[in-house]
Amino acid sequence: MTTILCYGDSNTYGYDPKTGLRYPKEIRWTGLLQSLLDQHANDSSASPYLVIEEGCNGRTTVTDDPVEGWKNGLDYLKPCLNSHKPVDIVILMLGTNDLKEVFHLSAPEIAENAGILVDTIQSFTAEKQGFIPKIVLVSPPHIGEDMPNSVFSGAFAPRSIEESKQFAEYYHAVAASKNCIFFDAATCVVPSKEDSLHLTEEGHRALAENLSQLLLSLA
């Protein structure tokens, strides 16, 4: 069995921008990814896949939220990897929340922080499970142009829109330097009109389809 750990924020958790609740599993990209990989395994008699959802609303890369410090992605990463080992593939999609104005971070700085998570995955798994999983470093979706009118406008200043558009360039450089697989989510999804931040149902499906194709190409 191939174990895939999906480590991310609210767009991995499955936040529904229309309700503020959570999409059902069959709509979330992680649940759809499981279904697509199951279908491939059944059709080709390939070994099965296990997709593990580890999304948390508000999760950052390595910074402490001043209100909810427990959402630091670095703090939970080692316990998470240890709980689910052996992990064969890690899909890492974090960075959007680091654009909150409270952190005053730029796209290059956030990409560098994502690189710290990659380093942690590689060193910790080498020690604890004896091999390093393949890492898919995902450059997060862009923040929508209507963010100034979003319910989240108090957290994300207008500058976050342009910074998010630079993610792909810097994430790609980090992935190349650390022997990761790079994927730019903005090539296939856009944020919802409702809040300029979270994915629509169609976005979740598009992300699942594109990531499934990427994963199957690695087999």
Protein backbone atom coordinates (compact mmCIF):
# COMPACT_ATOMS: atom_id res chain seq x y z
CA MET A 1 0.00 0.00 0.00
CA THR A 2 1.17 3.51 -0.86
CA THR A 3 0.47 5.97 1.96
CA ILE A 4 -0.01 9.59 0.94
CA LEU A 5 -0.03 12.28 3.62
CA CYS A 6 -1.76 15.53 2.62
CA TYR A 7 -0.50 18.26 4.94
CA GLY A 8 -2.09 21.66 4.56
CA ASP A 9 -4.44 24.38 5.73
CA SER A 10 -8.14 25.11 5.27
CA ASN A 11 -8.07 24.24 1.58
CA THR A 12 -6.88 20.76 2.56
CA TYR A 13 -9.33 20.62 5.45
CA GLY A 14 -12.10 21.45 2.99
CA TYR A 15 -13.47 24.79 4.20
CA ASP A 16 -16.69 25.67 2.39
CA PRO A 17 -16.67 29.40 1.53
CA LYS A 18 -20.44 29.49 1.22
CA THR A 19 -21.24 28.10 4.67
CA GLY A 20 -18.05 28.35 6.72
CA LEU A 21 -18.44 24.65 7.46
CA ARG A 22 -16.65 21.69 5.90
CA TYR A 23 -17.26 20.10 2.55
CA PRO A 24 -18.20 16.40 2.72
CA LYS A 25 -15.40 13.96 2.11
CA GLU A 26 -16.61 13.14 -1.39
CA ILE A 27 -16.21 16.80 -2.36
CA ARG A 28 -12.88 17.54 -0.67
CA TRP A 29 -9.86 17.17 -2.98
CA THR A 30 -8.33 14.67 -0.61
CA GLY A 31 -11.41 12.45 -0.70
CA LEU A 32 -11.65 12.77 -4.47
CA LEU A 33 -7.96 11.93 -4.76
CA GLN A 34 -8.58 8.73 -2.82
CA SER A 35 -11.44 7.81 -5.15
CA LEU A 36 -9.43 8.51 -8.30
CA LEU A 37 -6.49 6.46 -7.06
CA ASP A 38 -8.80 3.65 -5.97
CA GLN A 39 -10.29 3.59 -9.46
CA HIS A 40 -6.83 3.38 -11.00
CA ALA A 41 -5.81 0.59 -8.63
CA ASN A 42 -8.96 -1.38 -9.44
CA ASP A 43 -8.59 -0.90 -13.18
CA SER A 44 -4.91 -1.78 -13.32
CA SER A 45 -4.57 -4.24 -10.43
CA ALA A 46 -2.00 -1.86 -8.93
CA SER A 47 -1.27 -1.78 -5.23
CA PRO A 48 -3.81 0.27 -3.24
CA TYR A 49 -3.38 3.80 -1.97
CA LEU A 50 -4.22 5.37 1.38
CA VAL A 51 -4.79 9.12 1.37
CA ILE A 52 -4.49 10.71 4.81
CA GLU A 53 -6.10 14.12 5.33
CA GLU A 54 -4.18 16.46 7.63
CA GLY A 55 -5.66 19.89 6.95
CA CYS A 56 -6.17 22.56 9.59
CA ASN A 57 -7.86 25.94 9.20
CA GLY A 58 -5.37 28.75 9.66
CA ARG A 59 -2.27 26.54 9.64
CA THR A 60 0.96 28.39 8.85
CA THR A 61 4.33 27.09 7.73
CA VAL A 62 6.58 27.82 10.72
CA THR A 63 5.12 30.93 12.37
CA ASP A 64 3.06 31.16 15.57
CA ASP A 65 -0.34 32.72 15.16
CA PRO A 66 -0.63 35.40 17.89
CA VAL A 67 -4.11 34.18 18.80
CA GLU A 68 -3.94 30.48 17.98
CA GLY A 69 -0.28 29.50 18.25
CA TRP A 70 -1.09 25.83 17.95
CA LYS A 71 -1.63 26.29 14.22
CA ASN A 72 2.11 26.42 13.54
CA GLY A 73 2.65 23.78 10.85
CA LEU A 74 6.16 22.97 11.99
CA ASP A 75 5.12 22.10 15.54
CA TYR A 76 2.69 19.38 14.46
CA LEU A 77 4.68 18.01 11.55
CA LYS A 78 6.90 15.52 13.39
CA PRO A 79 4.08 14.04 15.52
CA CYS A 80 1.97 13.75 12.37
CA LEU A 81 4.69 11.97 10.40
CA ASN A 82 5.38 9.66 13.30
CA SER A 83 1.71 8.76 13.74
CA HIS A 84 1.21 7.81 10.12
CA LYS A 85 4.55 6.17 9.29
CA PRO A 86 5.56 4.65 7.04
CA VAL A 87 4.64 7.50 4.72
CA ASP A 88 5.51 7.09 1.04
CA ILE A 89 4.41 10.47 -0.34
CA VAL A 90 3.81 13.84 1.31
CA ILE A 91 1.74 16.47 -0.46
CA LEU A 92 2.61 19.75 1.24
CA MET A 93 0.43 22.79 0.52
CA LEU A 94 0.96 25.61 2.99
CA GLY A 95 1.78 29.30 2.80
CA THR A 96 -1.46 31.18 2.24
CA ASN A 97 -2.00 31.97 5.91
CA ASP A 98 1.55 33.28 6.17
CA LEU A 99 0.38 36.15 3.96
CA LYS A 100 -1.75 37.50 6.79
CA GLU A 101 -0.66 41.03 7.52
CA VAL A 102 0.15 40.17 11.12
CA PHE A 103 3.19 38.19 9.94
CA HIS A 104 4.56 40.80 7.46
CA LEU A 105 6.08 38.08 5.26
CA SER A 106 6.86 38.14 1.55
CA ALA A 107 6.48 35.31 -0.95
CA PRO A 108 10.23 34.54 -0.95
CA GLU A 109 10.27 34.35 2.86
CA ILE A 110 7.24 32.09 2.93
CA ALA A 111 8.75 29.78 0.32
CA GLU A 112 11.89 29.60 2.45
CA ASN A 113 9.73 28.63 5.43
CA ALA A 114 8.08 25.92 3.34
CA GLY A 115 11.61 24.70 2.69
CA ILE A 116 12.11 24.31 6.44
CA LEU A 117 9.13 21.96 6.47
CA VAL A 118 10.65 20.00 3.59
CA ASP A 119 13.95 19.72 5.48
CA THR A 120 12.08 18.49 8.54
CA ILE A 121 10.19 15.86 6.58
CA GLN A 122 13.37 14.58 4.99
CA SER A 123 15.49 14.43 8.15
CA PHE A 124 12.76 13.09 10.43
CA THR A 125 11.55 10.34 8.12
CA ALA A 126 15.11 9.25 7.37
CA GLU A 127 15.55 8.71 11.09
CA LYS A 128 12.13 7.35 12.07
CA GLN A 129 11.08 5.19 9.13
CA GLY A 130 14.37 4.56 7.41
CA PHE A 131 13.56 6.22 4.09
CA ILE A 132 12.52 9.63 2.81
CA PRO A 133 9.11 9.91 1.13
CA LYS A 134 8.59 11.62 -2.16
CA ILE A 135 7.53 15.20 -1.43
CA VAL A 136 5.16 17.14 -3.65
CA LEU A 137 5.62 20.80 -2.78
CA VAL A 138 2.49 22.60 -3.89
CA SER A 139 2.50 26.32 -4.53
CA PRO A 140 -0.86 27.45 -3.06
CA PRO A 141 -3.69 28.97 -5.07
CA HIS A 142 -3.65 32.73 -5.57
CA ILE A 143 -5.63 35.03 -3.33
CA GLY A 144 -8.57 36.53 -5.22
CA GLU A 145 -8.67 40.07 -6.54
CA ASP A 146 -11.76 40.83 -4.46
CA MET A 147 -10.02 40.16 -1.13
CA PRO A 148 -10.62 43.78 0.03
CA ASN A 149 -14.33 42.92 0.08
CA SER A 150 -13.93 39.47 1.62
CA VAL A 151 -14.93 38.50 5.13
CA PHE A 152 -11.21 37.79 5.56
CA SER A 153 -10.11 41.28 4.47
CA GLY A 154 -9.21 42.17 8.04
CA ALA A 155 -6.45 39.55 8.00
CA PHE A 156 -5.20 39.86 4.42
CA ALA A 157 -4.11 43.27 3.14
CA PRO A 158 -4.37 44.05 -0.59
CA ARG A 159 -0.63 43.36 -0.98
CA SER A 160 -1.30 39.68 -0.27
CA ILE A 161 -2.90 39.34 -3.69
CA GLU A 162 0.28 40.20 -5.56
CA GLU A 163 2.48 38.28 -3.13
CA SER A 164 0.42 35.13 -3.72
CA LYS A 165 1.05 35.43 -7.45
CA GLN A 166 4.77 35.10 -6.76
CA PHE A 167 4.45 31.84 -4.85
CA ALA A 168 5.06 29.59 -7.85
CA GLU A 169 8.40 31.14 -8.76
CA TYR A 170 9.85 30.78 -5.28
CA TYR A 171 8.27 27.45 -4.39
CA HIS A 172 9.61 26.00 -7.62
CA ALA A 173 13.12 27.13 -6.67
CA VAL A 174 12.80 25.55 -3.22
CA ALA A 175 11.51 22.30 -4.69
CA ALA A 176 14.40 22.16 -7.16
CA SER A 177 17.00 22.80 -4.48
CA LYS A 178 15.61 20.11 -2.17
CA ASN A 179 14.87 17.38 -4.70
CA CYS A 180 11.10 17.70 -4.41
CA ILE A 181 8.34 17.45 -6.99
CA PHE A 182 6.80 20.84 -7.71
CA PHE A 183 3.16 21.55 -8.50
CA ASP A 184 1.52 24.94 -8.97
CA ALA A 185 -2.08 24.76 -7.77
CA ALA A 186 -2.84 28.10 -9.42
CA THR A 187 -2.53 26.45 -12.83
CA CYS A 188 -5.77 24.59 -12.25
CA VAL A 189 -7.76 26.35 -9.50
CA VAL A 190 -8.87 29.83 -8.47
CA PRO A 191 -10.34 30.94 -5.14
CA SER A 192 -14.08 31.30 -4.72
CA LYS A 193 -15.93 34.51 -5.44
CA GLU A 194 -17.49 34.22 -1.99
CA ASP A 195 -14.33 34.93 -0.01
CA SER A 196 -11.37 35.13 -2.46
CA LEU A 197 -9.55 32.51 -0.39
CA HIS A 198 -11.14 29.07 -0.36
CA LEU A 199 -11.78 26.61 -3.15
CA THR A 200 -15.11 25.87 -4.76
CA GLU A 201 -16.37 22.33 -5.29
CA GLU A 202 -15.11 22.57 -8.86
CA GLY A 203 -11.73 23.69 -7.57
CA HIS A 204 -11.45 20.69 -5.29
CA ARG A 205 -12.22 18.38 -8.19
CA ALA A 206 -9.72 20.06 -10.49
CA LEU A 207 -7.00 19.88 -7.86
CA ALA A 208 -7.71 16.21 -7.19
CA GLU A 209 -7.65 15.34 -10.89
CA ASN A 210 -4.38 17.13 -11.52
CA LEU A 211 -2.66 15.72 -8.44
CA SER A 212 -3.84 12.20 -9.23
CA GLN A 213 -2.30 12.46 -12.69
CA LEU A 214 0.92 13.72 -11.16
CA LEU A 215 1.06 10.91 -8.59
CA LEU A 216 0.33 8.22 -11.16
CA SER A 217 3.14 9.55 -13.32
CA LEU A 218 5.52 8.89 -10.43
CA ALA A 219 4.61 5.21 -10.15
